[in-house]
Protein backbone atom coordinates (compact mmCIF):
# COMPACT_ATOMS: atom_id res chain seq x y z
CA MET A 1 15.25 13.02 4.62
CA GLU A 2 12.87 12.00 7.39
CA LYS A 3 11.60 8.44 7.63
CA ASN A 4 7.97 9.60 7.55
CA GLN A 5 8.65 11.29 4.19
CA ILE A 6 10.06 8.04 2.82
CA LYS A 7 6.94 6.15 3.90
CA LYS A 8 4.80 8.64 2.00
CA TYR A 9 6.24 7.56 -1.32
CA GLY A 10 8.48 4.57 -0.67
CA ASP A 11 5.99 1.94 -1.75
CA ARG A 12 4.96 3.83 -4.91
CA ILE A 13 8.16 5.36 -6.29
CA VAL A 14 11.08 3.21 -7.39
CA SER A 15 14.48 3.72 -8.94
CA ASP A 16 15.99 0.71 -10.70
CA GLN A 17 18.87 0.79 -13.19
CA ALA A 18 16.95 -1.75 -15.30
CA ILE A 19 14.02 0.66 -15.66
CA MET A 20 14.75 3.89 -17.52
CA HIS A 21 18.38 3.90 -16.34
CA GLY A 22 17.40 4.47 -12.70
CA THR A 23 15.11 7.44 -13.25
CA PRO A 24 12.56 7.52 -10.40
CA VAL A 25 9.26 6.18 -11.75
CA VAL A 26 5.85 5.24 -10.41
CA LYS A 27 6.14 1.60 -9.36
CA GLY A 28 4.92 -0.86 -11.97
CA THR A 29 5.06 1.75 -14.75
CA ARG A 30 7.54 3.62 -16.87
CA VAL A 31 5.99 6.96 -15.88
CA PRO A 32 8.77 9.17 -14.51
CA VAL A 33 8.17 11.16 -11.35
CA ALA A 34 9.50 14.21 -13.22
CA ALA A 35 6.78 13.82 -15.86
CA VAL A 36 4.01 13.77 -13.24
CA LEU A 37 5.52 16.83 -11.56
CA GLY A 38 5.78 18.53 -14.94
CA TYR A 39 2.10 17.92 -15.62
CA LEU A 40 1.21 19.46 -12.27
CA ALA A 41 3.54 22.41 -12.83
CA GLY A 42 1.92 22.92 -16.22
CA GLY A 43 -1.48 23.33 -14.60
CA GLU A 44 -2.93 19.86 -15.04
CA THR A 45 -5.03 18.54 -12.19
CA VAL A 46 -4.75 15.12 -10.60
CA ASP A 47 -7.92 14.16 -12.49
CA ASP A 48 -6.34 15.27 -15.78
CA ILE A 49 -3.29 13.11 -15.11
CA LEU A 50 -5.43 10.12 -14.18
CA ARG A 51 -7.44 10.48 -17.39
CA HIS A 52 -4.24 10.45 -19.47
CA HIS A 53 -2.67 7.67 -17.40
CA PRO A 54 -5.54 5.43 -16.21
CA HIS A 55 -3.07 2.92 -14.75
CA LEU A 56 -2.04 5.52 -12.14
CA ALA A 57 -3.90 6.22 -8.92
CA ALA A 58 -4.31 9.54 -7.13
CA GLU A 59 -1.99 8.17 -4.43
CA ASP A 60 0.72 7.78 -7.08
CA VAL A 61 0.48 11.47 -7.94
CA LEU A 62 0.62 12.41 -4.25
CA ALA A 63 3.63 10.12 -3.82
CA CYS A 64 5.38 12.04 -6.60
CA LEU A 65 4.73 15.27 -4.71
CA ALA A 66 5.99 13.77 -1.44
CA PHE A 67 9.11 12.56 -3.26
CA ALA A 68 9.75 16.06 -4.63
CA ALA A 69 9.15 17.65 -1.23
CA ALA A 70 11.58 15.27 0.46
CA LEU A 71 14.17 15.85 -2.25
CA ALA A 72 13.80 19.64 -2.01
CA ASP A 73 14.17 19.45 1.76
CA TYR A 74 17.23 17.22 1.42
CA GLU A 75 18.83 19.54 -1.12
CA VAL A 76 18.39 22.57 1.12
CA TYR A 77 20.12 20.85 4.02
CA ALA A 78 22.79 19.34 1.80
CA LEU A 79 24.06 22.76 0.67
């Protein structure tokens, strides 16, 4: 995983055993990264997500995408 990828989401995505057993979430929330990605995969727009989760920012949604991209890239090279 490249350092520039980490910077894209590092300040917005956290994983802490005390919060949802370490599931990656948007910082300061209990909204899992996987849920945000699921909304996007289901056809919801960033605006739709922000309407349903007004405590999130567009940058949070983009951080979730950057996290997924970095993870997918890591998984490919880890095989």
